[in-house]
C-alpha atoms as a PDB file:
ATOM      1  CA  MET A   1    -127.603 105.660  63.947  1.00  0.00           C
ATOM      2  CA  LEU A   2    -123.802 105.458  63.738  1.00  0.00           C
ATOM      3  CA  ALA A   3    -123.546 104.188  67.310  1.00  0.00           C
ATOM      4  CA  PHE A   4    -126.201 101.544  66.570  1.00  0.00           C
ATOM      5  CA  ALA A   5    -124.357 100.453  63.413  1.00  0.00           C
ATOM      6  CA  ALA A   6    -121.043 100.302  65.310  1.00  0.00           C
ATOM      7  CA  ARG A   7    -122.548  98.092  68.023  1.00  0.00           C
ATOM      8  CA  ARG A   8    -124.084  95.734  65.489  1.00  0.00           C
ATOM      9  CA  LEU A   9    -120.822  95.611  63.516  1.00  0.00           C
ATOM     10  CA  LEU A  10    -118.874  94.587  66.622  1.00  0.00           C
ATOM     11  CA  VAL A  11    -121.438  91.876  67.349  1.00  0.00           C
ATOM     12  CA  SER A  12    -121.215  90.645  63.738  1.00  0.00           C
ATOM     13  CA  LEU A  13    -117.414  90.520  63.842  1.00  0.00           C
ATOM     14  CA  GLY A  14    -117.641  88.517  67.050  1.00  0.00           C
ATOM     15  CA  LEU A  15    -120.058  86.106  65.364  1.00  0.00           C
ATOM     16  CA  VAL A  16    -117.701  85.734  62.407  1.00  0.00           C
ATOM     17  CA  TRP A  17    -114.905  84.765  64.792  1.00  0.00           C
ATOM     18  CA  VAL A  18    -117.203  82.281  66.573  1.00  0.00           C
ATOM     19  CA  VAL A  19    -118.327  80.767  63.254  1.00  0.00           C
ATOM     20  CA  ALA A  20    -114.750  80.435  62.012  1.00  0.00           C
ATOM     21  CA  SER A  21    -113.732  78.766  65.271  1.00  0.00           C
ATOM     22  CA  LEU A  22    -116.700  76.393  65.220  1.00  0.00           C
ATOM     23  CA  VAL A  23    -116.022  75.366  61.615  1.00  0.00           C
ATOM     24  CA  PHE A  24    -112.405  74.641  62.555  1.00  0.00           C
ATOM     25  CA  LEU A  25    -113.390  72.616  65.634  1.00  0.00           C
ATOM     26  CA  VAL A  26    -116.145  70.644  63.896  1.00  0.00           C
ATOM     27  CA  ILE A  27    -113.777  69.556  61.135  1.00  0.00           C
ATOM     28  CA  HIS A  28    -111.144  68.496  63.660  1.00  0.00           C
ATOM     29  CA  LEU A  29    -113.592  66.763  66.021  1.00  0.00           C
ATOM     30  CA  ILE A  30    -114.998  64.483  63.328  1.00  0.00           C
ATOM     31  CA  PRO A  31    -113.998  60.905  64.208  1.00  0.00           C
ATOM     32  CA  GLY A  32    -111.240  59.437  62.081  1.00  0.00           C
ATOM     33  CA  ASP A  33    -108.139  60.751  60.388  1.00  0.00           C
ATOM     34  CA  PRO A  34    -109.018  63.398  57.730  1.00  0.00           C
ATOM     35  CA  ALA A  35    -105.936  62.498  55.677  1.00  0.00           C
ATOM     36  CA  GLU A  36    -106.864  58.818  55.703  1.00  0.00           C
ATOM     37  CA  LEU A  37    -110.469  59.576  54.761  1.00  0.00           C
ATOM     38  CA  LEU A  38    -109.352  61.778  51.874  1.00  0.00           C
ATOM     39  CA  LEU A  39    -107.087  59.074  50.446  1.00  0.00           C
ATOM     40  CA  SER A  40    -109.485  56.154  50.944  1.00  0.00           C
ATOM     41  CA  GLN A  41    -110.876  54.815  47.670  1.00  0.00           C
ATOM     42  CA  GLY A  42    -113.591  52.170  47.529  1.00  0.00           C
ATOM     43  CA  GLY A  43    -112.979  51.120  51.133  1.00  0.00           C
ATOM     44  CA  ILE A  44    -109.351  50.203  50.416  1.00  0.00           C
ATOM     45  CA  ALA A  45    -106.920  51.353  53.098  1.00  0.00           C
ATOM     46  CA  PRO A  46    -104.452  53.937  51.712  1.00  0.00           C
ATOM     47  CA  ASP A  47    -100.690  53.689  51.844  1.00  0.00           C
ATOM     48  CA  PRO A  48     -99.487  54.787  55.329  1.00  0.00           C
ATOM     49  CA  ALA A  49     -96.632  56.765  53.763  1.00  0.00           C
ATOM     50  CA  ALA A  50     -99.110  58.717  51.605  1.00  0.00           C
ATOM     51  CA  VAL A  51    -101.302  59.367  54.633  1.00  0.00           C
ATOM     52  CA  GLU A  52     -98.355  60.711  56.595  1.00  0.00           C
ATOM     53  CA  GLU A  53     -97.289  62.921  53.683  1.00  0.00           C
ATOM     54  CA  LEU A  54    -100.800  64.382  53.376  1.00  0.00           C
ATOM     55  CA  ARG A  55    -100.975  64.963  57.133  1.00  0.00           C
ATOM     56  CA  GLU A  56     -97.760  66.917  56.873  1.00  0.00           C
ATOM     57  CA  ARG A  57     -99.084  68.975  53.929  1.00  0.00           C
ATOM     58  CA  LEU A  58    -102.290  69.796  55.797  1.00  0.00           C
ATOM     59  CA  GLY A  59    -100.428  70.609  59.001  1.00  0.00           C
ATOM     60  CA  LEU A  60    -102.339  67.931  60.922  1.00  0.00           C
ATOM     61  CA  ASN A  61     -99.199  66.787  62.747  1.00  0.00           C
ATOM     62  CA  ALA A  62     -98.931  70.126  64.547  1.00  0.00           C
ATOM     63  CA  PRO A  63    -100.653  70.685  67.929  1.00  0.00           C
ATOM     64  CA  LEU A  64    -104.290  71.740  67.713  1.00  0.00           C
ATOM     65  CA  TRP A  65    -103.593  75.238  69.055  1.00  0.00           C
ATOM     66  CA  ALA A  66    -100.859  75.730  66.413  1.00  0.00           C
ATOM     67  CA  GLN A  67    -103.250  74.563  63.666  1.00  0.00           C
ATOM     68  CA  TYR A  68    -105.885  77.000  64.953  1.00  0.00           C
ATOM     69  CA  LEU A  69    -103.497  79.962  64.977  1.00  0.00           C
ATOM     70  CA  SER A  70    -102.278  79.086  61.481  1.00  0.00           C
ATOM     71  CA  TYR A  71    -105.871  78.722  60.293  1.00  0.00           C
ATOM     72  CA  MET A  72    -106.983  82.080  61.740  1.00  0.00           C
ATOM     73  CA  GLY A  73    -103.865  83.803  60.444  1.00  0.00           C
ATOM     74  CA  GLY A  74    -104.601  82.512  56.956  1.00  0.00           C
ATOM     75  CA  LEU A  75    -108.189  83.772  57.158  1.00  0.00           C
ATOM     76  CA  LEU A  76    -107.011  87.252  58.139  1.00  0.00           C
ATOM     77  CA  ARG A  77    -104.816  87.249  55.013  1.00  0.00           C
ATOM     78  CA  GLY A  78    -107.651  85.884  52.869  1.00  0.00           C
ATOM     79  CA  ASP A  79    -105.770  82.609  52.413  1.00  0.00           C
ATOM     80  CA  PHE A  80    -107.918  79.457  52.442  1.00  0.00           C
ATOM     81  CA  GLY A  81    -105.104  77.167  51.405  1.00  0.00           C
ATOM     82  CA  LEU A  82    -104.652  75.028  48.304  1.00  0.00           C
ATOM     83  CA  SER A  83    -106.965  72.489  46.712  1.00  0.00           C
ATOM     84  CA  LEU A  84    -105.902  68.891  47.181  1.00  0.00           C
ATOM     85  CA  GLN A  85    -106.994  68.065  43.639  1.00  0.00           C
ATOM     86  CA  ASP A  86    -104.890  70.509  41.613  1.00  0.00           C
ATOM     87  CA  GLU A  87    -103.171  72.653  44.280  1.00  0.00           C
ATOM     88  CA  HIS A  88    -105.007  75.703  42.964  1.00  0.00           C
ATOM     89  CA  PRO A  89    -105.548  78.523  45.518  1.00  0.00           C
ATOM     90  CA  ILE A  90    -109.008  78.022  47.005  1.00  0.00           C
ATOM     91  CA  ALA A  91    -109.501  81.759  47.583  1.00  0.00           C
ATOM     92  CA  GLU A  92    -109.142  82.429  43.847  1.00  0.00           C
ATOM     93  CA  GLU A  93    -111.774  79.822  42.946  1.00  0.00           C
ATOM     94  CA  ILE A  94    -114.179  81.139  45.581  1.00  0.00           C
ATOM     95  CA  ALA A  95    -113.591  84.724  44.418  1.00  0.00           C
ATOM     96  CA  LEU A  96    -114.439  83.611  40.863  1.00  0.00           C
ATOM     97  CA  ARG A  97    -117.589  81.641  41.696  1.00  0.00           C
ATOM     98  CA  LEU A  98    -119.053  83.527  44.660  1.00  0.00           C
ATOM     99  CA  PRO A  99    -120.132  86.632  42.663  1.00  0.00           C
ATOM    100  CA  ARG A 100    -122.058  84.374  40.287  1.00  0.00           C
ATOM    101  CA  THR A 101    -124.036  82.781  43.115  1.00  0.00           C
ATOM    102  CA  LEU A 102    -124.543  86.151  44.821  1.00  0.00           C
ATOM    103  CA  GLU A 103    -125.827  87.575  41.539  1.00  0.00           C
ATOM    104  CA  LEU A 104    -128.211  84.654  41.071  1.00  0.00           C
ATOM    105  CA  VAL A 105    -129.537  84.794  44.627  1.00  0.00           C
ATOM    106  CA  GLY A 106    -129.724  88.604  44.611  1.00  0.00           C
ATOM    107  CA  MET A 107    -131.716  88.697  41.381  1.00  0.00           C
ATOM    108  CA  ALA A 108    -134.059  86.008  42.739  1.00  0.00           C
ATOM    109  CA  GLY A 109    -134.583  88.042  45.910  1.00  0.00           C
ATOM    110  CA  LEU A 110    -135.252  91.197  43.903  1.00  0.00           C
ATOM    111  CA  LEU A 111    -137.820  89.469  41.673  1.00  0.00           C
ATOM    112  CA  ALA A 112    -139.506  87.798  44.647  1.00  0.00           C
ATOM    113  CA  THR A 113    -139.787  91.126  46.478  1.00  0.00           C
ATOM    114  CA  LEU A 114    -141.032  93.057  43.438  1.00  0.00           C
ATOM    115  CA  PHE A 115    -143.842  90.565  42.934  1.00  0.00           C
ATOM    116  CA  GLY A 116    -144.515  89.320  46.467  1.00  0.00           C
ATOM    117  CA  VAL A 117    -144.841  92.688  48.230  1.00  0.00           C
ATOM    118  CA  PRO A 118    -147.439  94.390  45.959  1.00  0.00           C
ATOM    119  CA  LEU A 119    -149.407  91.164  45.530  1.00  0.00           C
ATOM    120  CA  GLY A 120    -149.430  90.663  49.305  1.00  0.00           C
ATOM    121  CA  ILE A 121    -150.736  94.191  49.812  1.00  0.00           C
ATOM    122  CA  ALA A 122    -153.401  93.731  47.141  1.00  0.00           C
ATOM    123  CA  ALA A 123    -154.568  90.448  48.666  1.00  0.00           C
ATOM    124  CA  ALA A 124    -154.698  91.916  52.183  1.00  0.00           C
ATOM    125  CA  LEU A 125    -156.757  94.916  51.060  1.00  0.00           C
ATOM    126  CA  ARG A 126    -159.247  92.519  49.458  1.00  0.00           C
ATOM    127  CA  ALA A 127    -159.092  89.795  52.109  1.00  0.00           C
ATOM    128  CA  GLY A 128    -161.635  87.069  51.428  1.00  0.00           C
ATOM    129  CA  GLY A 129    -162.333  88.299  47.914  1.00  0.00           C
ATOM    130  CA  ALA A 130    -161.752  86.588  44.594  1.00  0.00           C
ATOM    131  CA  LEU A 131    -158.293  88.144  44.087  1.00  0.00           C
ATOM    132  CA  ASP A 132    -157.202  87.077  47.561  1.00  0.00           C
ATOM    133  CA  ARG A 133    -158.342  83.492  46.984  1.00  0.00           C
ATOM    134  CA  VAL A 134    -156.626  83.272  43.592  1.00  0.00           C
ATOM    135  CA  LEU A 135    -153.329  84.700  44.853  1.00  0.00           C
ATOM    136  CA  SER A 136    -153.381  82.532  47.986  1.00  0.00           C
ATOM    137  CA  ALA A 137    -153.994  79.440  45.868  1.00  0.00           C
ATOM    138  CA  TRP A 138    -151.056  80.414  43.640  1.00  0.00           C
ATOM    139  CA  ALA A 139    -148.833  80.858  46.682  1.00  0.00           C
ATOM    140  CA  GLY A 140    -149.789  77.452  48.052  1.00  0.00           C
ATOM    141  CA  PHE A 141    -149.090  75.800  44.708  1.00  0.00           C
ATOM    142  CA  ALA A 142    -145.758  77.617  44.274  1.00  0.00           C
ATOM    143  CA  LEU A 143    -144.595  76.525  47.718  1.00  0.00           C
ATOM    144  CA  SER A 144    -145.521  72.890  47.090  1.00  0.00           C
ATOM    145  CA  VAL A 145    -143.566  72.510  43.821  1.00  0.00           C
ATOM    146  CA  PRO A 146    -139.848  71.695  44.283  1.00  0.00           C
ATOM    147  CA  VAL A 147    -137.440  74.161  42.720  1.00  0.00           C
ATOM    148  CA  PHE A 148    -135.859  71.549  40.436  1.00  0.00           C
ATOM    149  CA  VAL A 149    -139.317  70.739  39.022  1.00  0.00           C
ATOM    150  CA  VAL A 150    -139.918  74.418  38.254  1.00  0.00           C
ATOM    151  CA  GLY A 151    -136.495  74.646  36.613  1.00  0.00           C
ATOM    152  CA  THR A 152    -136.964  71.504  34.545  1.00  0.00           C
ATOM    153  CA  LEU A 153    -140.413  72.609  33.352  1.00  0.00           C
ATOM    154  CA  ALA A 154    -139.023  76.041  32.439  1.00  0.00           C
ATOM    155  CA  VAL A 155    -136.276  74.437  30.359  1.00  0.00           C
ATOM    156  CA  LEU A 156    -138.700  72.065  28.621  1.00  0.00           C
ATOM    157  CA  LEU A 157    -141.340  74.699  27.870  1.00  0.00           C
ATOM    158  CA  LEU A 158    -139.471  77.960  27.306  1.00  0.00           C
ATOM    159  CA  ALA A 159    -136.196  76.640  25.925  1.00  0.00           C
ATOM    160  CA  GLN A 160    -136.960  73.409  24.098  1.00  0.00           C
ATOM    161  CA  GLN A 161    -140.591  73.814  23.026  1.00  0.00           C
ATOM    162  CA  LEU A 162    -141.050  77.555  22.479  1.00  0.00           C
ATOM    163  CA  LYS A 163    -137.356  78.335  21.784  1.00  0.00           C
ATOM    164  CA  LEU A 164    -137.724  81.655  23.623  1.00  0.00           C
ATOM    165  CA  VAL A 165    -134.559  81.389  25.728  1.00  0.00           C
ATOM    166  CA  SER A 166    -131.452  79.244  26.032  1.00  0.00           C
ATOM    167  CA  ALA A 167    -131.629  76.139  28.180  1.00  0.00           C
ATOM    168  CA  GLY A 168    -128.757  77.322  30.351  1.00  0.00           C
ATOM    169  CA  GLY A 169    -125.113  78.261  30.503  1.00  0.00           C
ATOM    170  CA  TYR A 170    -123.050  81.256  31.494  1.00  0.00           C
ATOM    171  CA  VAL A 171    -121.516  84.215  29.688  1.00  0.00           C
ATOM    172  CA  PRO A 172    -119.477  86.842  31.594  1.00  0.00           C
ATOM    173  CA  LEU A 173    -121.193  90.194  31.983  1.00  0.00           C
ATOM    174  CA  ALA A 174    -118.241  92.087  30.525  1.00  0.00           C
ATOM    175  CA  ARG A 175    -118.270  89.972  27.356  1.00  0.00           C
ATOM    176  CA  ASP A 176    -121.984  90.206  26.519  1.00  0.00           C
ATOM    177  CA  PRO A 177    -124.287  92.003  29.004  1.00  0.00           C
ATOM    178  CA  GLY A 178    -127.481  91.157  27.138  1.00  0.00           C
ATOM    179  CA  ARG A 179    -126.673  87.488  26.823  1.00  0.00           C
ATOM    180  CA  HIS A 180    -125.539  87.380  30.449  1.00  0.00           C
ATOM    181  CA  LEU A 181    -128.842  88.840  31.675  1.00  0.00           C
ATOM    182  CA  ALA A 182    -130.869  86.504  29.466  1.00  0.00           C
ATOM    183  CA  LEU A 183    -129.079  83.457  30.893  1.00  0.00           C
ATOM    184  CA  LEU A 184    -129.466  84.798  34.434  1.00  0.00           C
ATOM    185  CA  MET A 185    -133.210  85.384  34.343  1.00  0.00           C
ATOM    186  CA  MET A 186    -134.282  81.734  33.946  1.00  0.00           C
ATOM    187  CA  PRO A 187    -132.549  80.340  37.052  1.00  0.00           C
ATOM    188  CA  ALA A 188    -133.295  83.507  39.039  1.00  0.00           C
ATOM    189  CA  THR A 189    -136.998  83.318  38.179  1.00  0.00           C
ATOM    190  CA  THR A 190    -137.034  79.617  39.063  1.00  0.00           C
ATOM    191  CA  ILE A 191    -135.819  80.449  42.583  1.00  0.00           C
ATOM    192  CA  ALA A 192    -138.062  83.521  42.818  1.00  0.00           C
ATOM    193  CA  VAL A 193    -141.260  81.498  42.274  1.00  0.00           C
ATOM    194  CA  GLY A 194    -141.091  79.824  45.684  1.00  0.00           C
ATOM    195  CA  LEU A 195    -139.449  82.748  47.458  1.00  0.00           C
ATOM    196  CA  GLY A 196    -142.026  85.153  46.024  1.00  0.00           C
ATOM    197  CA  ALA A 197    -144.803  82.979  47.448  1.00  0.00           C
ATOM    198  CA  VAL A 198    -143.189  83.200  50.887  1.00  0.00           C
ATOM    199  CA  VAL A 199    -142.862  86.992  50.596  1.00  0.00           C
ATOM    200  CA  PHE A 200    -146.490  87.231  49.458  1.00  0.00           C
ATOM    201  CA  ARG A 201    -147.786  85.264  52.445  1.00  0.00           C
ATOM    202  CA  VAL A 202    -145.699  87.178  54.983  1.00  0.00           C
ATOM    203  CA  MET A 203    -146.637  90.544  53.454  1.00  0.00           C
ATOM    204  CA  ARG A 204    -150.339  89.677  53.356  1.00  0.00           C
ATOM    205  CA  SER A 205    -150.373  88.571  56.998  1.00  0.00           C
ATOM    206  CA  SER A 206    -148.328  91.564  58.091  1.00  0.00           C
ATOM    207  CA  VAL A 207    -150.580  94.084  56.316  1.00  0.00           C
ATOM    208  CA  LEU A 208    -153.689  92.479  57.782  1.00  0.00           C
ATOM    209  CA  GLU A 209    -152.165  92.718  61.258  1.00  0.00           C
ATOM    210  CA  VAL A 210    -151.144  96.370  60.836  1.00  0.00           C
ATOM    211  CA  LEU A 211    -154.581  97.321  59.466  1.00  0.00           C
ATOM    212  CA  GLU A 212    -156.105  96.289  62.812  1.00  0.00           C
ATOM    213  CA  ARG A 213    -153.939  98.680  64.836  1.00  0.00           C
ATOM    214  CA  GLU A 214    -155.525 101.684  66.494  1.00  0.00           C
ATOM    215  CA  HIS A 215    -153.563 104.386  64.652  1.00  0.00           C
ATOM    216  CA  VAL A 216    -154.585 102.910  61.289  1.00  0.00           C
ATOM    217  CA  ARG A 217    -158.234 102.741  62.333  1.00  0.00           C
ATOM    218  CA  ALA A 218    -157.989 106.342  63.501  1.00  0.00           C
ATOM    219  CA  ALA A 219    -156.607 107.383  60.111  1.00  0.00           C
ATOM    220  CA  GLN A 220    -159.467 105.575  58.382  1.00  0.00           C
ATOM    221  CA  ALA A 221    -161.986 107.301  60.660  1.00  0.00           C
ATOM    222  CA  ARG A 222    -160.523 110.689  59.710  1.00  0.00           C
ATOM    223  CA  GLY A 223    -161.296 109.894  56.067  1.00  0.00           C
ATOM    224  CA  LEU A 224    -157.699 109.622  54.921  1.00  0.00           C
ATOM    225  CA  ALA A 225    -157.399 108.128  51.431  1.00  0.00           C
ATOM    226  CA  PRO A 226    -156.618 104.381  51.377  1.00  0.00           C
ATOM    227  CA  GLY A 227    -153.445 104.955  49.338  1.00  0.00           C
ATOM    228  CA  ALA A 228    -152.167 107.486  51.842  1.00  0.00           C
ATOM    229  CA  ILE A 229    -152.924 105.131  54.737  1.00  0.00           C
ATOM    230  CA  ILE A 230    -150.945 102.349  53.077  1.00  0.00           C
ATOM    231  CA  ARG A 231    -147.966 104.607  52.353  1.00  0.00           C
ATOM    232  CA  ARG A 232    -147.847 106.459  55.679  1.00  0.00           C
ATOM    233  CA  HIS A 233    -149.085 103.995  58.270  1.00  0.00           C
ATOM    234  CA  VAL A 234    -149.055 100.442  56.914  1.00  0.00           C
ATOM    235  CA  LEU A 235    -146.201  99.830  54.510  1.00  0.00           C
ATOM    236  CA  ARG A 236    -143.243 100.688  56.775  1.00  0.00           C
ATOM    237  CA  ASN A 237    -144.548  98.612  59.695  1.00  0.00           C
ATOM    238  CA  ALA A 238    -145.561  95.713  57.477  1.00  0.00           C
ATOM    239  CA  LEU A 239    -142.176  95.515  55.735  1.00  0.00           C
ATOM    240  CA  THR A 240    -140.215  94.588  58.871  1.00  0.00           C
ATOM    241  CA  PRO A 241    -141.038  90.839  58.862  1.00  0.00           C
ATOM    242  CA  VAL A 242    -140.603  90.745  55.085  1.00  0.00           C
ATOM    243  CA  VAL A 243    -137.037  92.019  55.429  1.00  0.00           C
ATOM    244  CA  THR A 244    -136.312  89.216  57.903  1.00  0.00           C
ATOM    245  CA  VAL A 245    -137.816  86.514  55.711  1.00  0.00           C
ATOM    246  CA  VAL A 246    -136.040  87.628  52.536  1.00  0.00           C
ATOM    247  CA  ALA A 247    -132.657  87.964  54.272  1.00  0.00           C
ATOM    248  CA  LEU A 248    -132.878  84.551  55.953  1.00  0.00           C
ATOM    249  CA  HIS A 249    -133.963  82.844  52.744  1.00  0.00           C
ATOM    250  CA  LEU A 250    -131.208  84.520  50.748  1.00  0.00           C
ATOM    251  CA  GLY A 251    -128.658  83.315  53.285  1.00  0.00           C
ATOM    252  CA  ALA A 252    -129.999  79.777  53.049  1.00  0.00           C
ATOM    253  CA  LEU A 253    -130.021  79.949  49.243  1.00  0.00           C
ATOM    254  CA  LEU A 254    -126.283  80.727  49.110  1.00  0.00           C
ATOM    255  CA  GLY A 255    -125.525  77.088  49.768  1.00  0.00           C
ATOM    256  CA  GLY A 256    -128.837  75.718  48.545  1.00  0.00           C
ATOM    257  CA  THR A 257    -128.853  76.610  44.855  1.00  0.00           C
ATOM    258  CA  VAL A 258    -127.186  73.324  43.932  1.00  0.00           C
ATOM    259  CA  LEU A 259    -130.115  71.954  41.943  1.00  0.00           C
ATOM    260  CA  VAL A 260    -130.788  75.220  40.131  1.00  0.00           C
ATOM    261  CA  GLU A 261    -127.135  75.685  39.201  1.00  0.00           C
ATOM    262  CA  PHE A 262    -127.060  72.073  37.993  1.00  0.00           C
ATOM    263  CA  VAL A 263    -130.256  72.352  35.904  1.00  0.00           C
ATOM    264  CA  PHE A 264    -129.160  75.606  34.243  1.00  0.00           C
ATOM    265  CA  ASN A 265    -125.416  74.851  34.145  1.00  0.00           C
ATOM    266  CA  TRP A 266    -124.667  77.996  36.190  1.00  0.00           C
ATOM    267  CA  PRO A 267    -121.042  77.834  37.446  1.00  0.00           C
ATOM    268  CA  GLY A 268    -121.584  79.155  40.960  1.00  0.00           C
ATOM    269  CA  LEU A 269    -120.392  78.350  44.462  1.00  0.00           C
ATOM    270  CA  SER A 270    -122.907  75.583  45.186  1.00  0.00           C
ATOM    271  CA  GLY A 271    -121.649  73.459  42.306  1.00  0.00           C
ATOM    272  CA  TYR A 272    -118.109  74.024  43.534  1.00  0.00           C
ATOM    273  CA  LEU A 273    -119.136  72.777  46.981  1.00  0.00           C
ATOM    274  CA  VAL A 274    -120.646  69.601  45.530  1.00  0.00           C
ATOM    275  CA  ARG A 275    -117.464  68.929  43.565  1.00  0.00           C
ATOM    276  CA  ALA A 276    -115.346  69.458  46.675  1.00  0.00           C
ATOM    277  CA  VAL A 277    -117.477  67.070  48.740  1.00  0.00           C
ATOM    278  CA  GLU A 278    -117.368  64.386  46.034  1.00  0.00           C
ATOM    279  CA  ALA A 279    -113.586  64.709  45.809  1.00  0.00           C
ATOM    280  CA  ARG A 280    -113.245  64.777  49.621  1.00  0.00           C
ATOM    281  CA  ASP A 281    -111.222  67.949  49.294  1.00  0.00           C
ATOM    282  CA  TYR A 282    -111.059  68.947  52.966  1.00  0.00           C
ATOM    283  CA  PRO A 283    -109.569  72.459  52.509  1.00  0.00           C
ATOM    284  CA  GLU A 284    -112.074  73.369  49.768  1.00  0.00           C
ATOM    285  CA  VAL A 285    -115.083  72.248  51.829  1.00  0.00           C
ATOM    286  CA  LEU A 286    -113.772  74.153  54.844  1.00  0.00           C
ATOM    287  CA  GLY A 287    -113.265  77.348  52.837  1.00  0.00           C
ATOM    288  CA  ILE A 288    -116.647  77.258  51.097  1.00  0.00           C
ATOM    289  CA  VAL A 289    -118.630  76.500  54.264  1.00  0.00           C
ATOM    290  CA  LEU A 290    -116.820  79.273  56.091  1.00  0.00           C
ATOM    291  CA  VAL A 291    -117.474  81.860  53.360  1.00  0.00           C
ATOM    292  CA  ILE A 292    -121.182  80.971  53.226  1.00  0.00           C
ATOM    293  CA  SER A 293    -121.405  81.214  57.019  1.00  0.00           C
ATOM    294  CA  ILE A 294    -119.693  84.615  57.084  1.00  0.00           C
ATOM    295  CA  ILE A 295    -122.008  85.977  54.394  1.00  0.00           C
ATOM    296  CA  PHE A 296    -125.000  84.745  56.393  1.00  0.00           C
ATOM    297  CA  VAL A 297    -123.732  86.675  59.441  1.00  0.00           C
ATOM    298  CA  LEU A 298    -123.198  89.791  57.332  1.00  0.00           C
ATOM    299  CA  LEU A 299    -126.716  89.499  55.924  1.00  0.00           C
ATOM    300  CA  ASN A 300    -128.053  89.548  59.469  1.00  0.00           C
ATOM    301  CA  PHE A 301    -125.989  92.692  60.109  1.00  0.00           C
ATOM    302  CA  LEU A 302    -127.580  94.356  57.080  1.00  0.00           C
ATOM    303  CA  VAL A 303    -131.029  93.275  58.285  1.00  0.00           C
ATOM    304  CA  ASP A 304    -130.361  95.000  61.619  1.00  0.00           C
ATOM    305  CA  LEU A 305    -129.455  98.200  59.783  1.00  0.00           C
ATOM    306  CA  LEU A 306    -132.578  97.976  57.636  1.00  0.00           C
ATOM    307  CA  TYR A 307    -134.651  97.509  60.780  1.00  0.00           C
ATOM    308  CA  ALA A 308    -133.183 100.709  62.173  1.00  0.00           C
ATOM    309  CA  VAL A 309    -134.090 102.577  58.973  1.00  0.00           C
ATOM    310  CA  ILE A 310    -137.611 101.160  58.750  1.00  0.00           C
ATOM    311  CA  ASP A 311    -138.387 101.443  62.469  1.00  0.00           C
ATOM    312  CA  PRO A 312    -136.330 104.082  64.373  1.00  0.00           C
ATOM    313  CA  ARG A 313    -137.429 102.547  67.689  1.00  0.00           C
ATOM    314  CA  VAL A 314    -135.032  99.643  67.034  1.00  0.00           C
ATOM    315  CA  ARG A 315    -132.017 101.954  67.425  1.00  0.00           C
ATOM    316  CA  HIS A 316    -132.937 102.655  71.037  1.00  0.00           C
ATOM    317  CA  GLY A 317    -134.040  99.159  71.934  1.00  0.00           C
END
C-alpha cells in the first residue's frame, strides 16, 4: 500500500508541475500585452508610461525563462505575488477564502453521498417498482433544475416566507459555531440537490450491474440474507464509480460555486475569482486558477488511494 501511495504521489507532484507550467504558458501566450489589457478602460488606450511601469512591476520585461523561474520559485515559497488593486498579498486572500469554499463543497459532497448512496441502493433492490420510479423521477427533476433556481427558491420559501433560516451571510466558526453551521447548510444543500441526484443514478446503475455478477448470484443461491449480500459482495464493488463521480464533481465545484456563493452571500474563492476577472487583476486570476487546478490534482490522488482501499486489486494493477 505504501509503495502504491508513493507512486501515485510522485505522479501527482509531476501533474502539479505540469499544471503550473501550463497556467504560466497560457497566460503568456495570450495575444496582446497583459499590462496594456489591464490598464485599458472603455477601449481607451492607456498611457505608455503607465504600461511600461506595470510591465516592470509584473516582471514582463524579463526574458520568458527568467519569468518562469521566478514564478516557480514564488510557488515553492507559497508566494503568489501582490494584487494589482490594493497590493495585498494574494496568498493571504486565498488562504482566507479557500477554506470557506472547501467547507461548502465538502459539506455538499457529504450530504449528496449520505442521501444518494442509500437511495440508489434502495432503488436498485426494487428496480421497476414504485419506489424506483419515484426516486428516478426525483433524480431527473433535480438534475434539470439549475442550481441558482434551487438556491433562489430556498431563499424565498425557507428564509423569506417561513422565516426558518437566514437568507445568507457568513459567520466565522470560532465566533459562533451554531450560527456558522446554520448559514452553511442552505448553500450546501442547494449544491447537494443536483450532486445527490448524480450519486443516486450512478449508485443505482452500479448496484444493478454488480447484482448480475456470478459471485453475487452464487451467494443468493446459497440462501445468504439480502443484507449480508449487500454488505459483503455488492457495496464495496458498487462504490468505486461513486467515488470517481463525487471526486470529479467536487473538483469542478471548487471553481463553479459562483452562483451559489452569490445567492447566499458566502465569501468564498469563487466570488474572489469573479472579482479578479472583473478587475483584470492578472496575478490574482493566475493564483486562483492555479490553486483550484492543484486541488483538483490532489483530489484525483485521494481517489486513487480510496480505490486501493475499496478494491485491493488496484494496488497491483
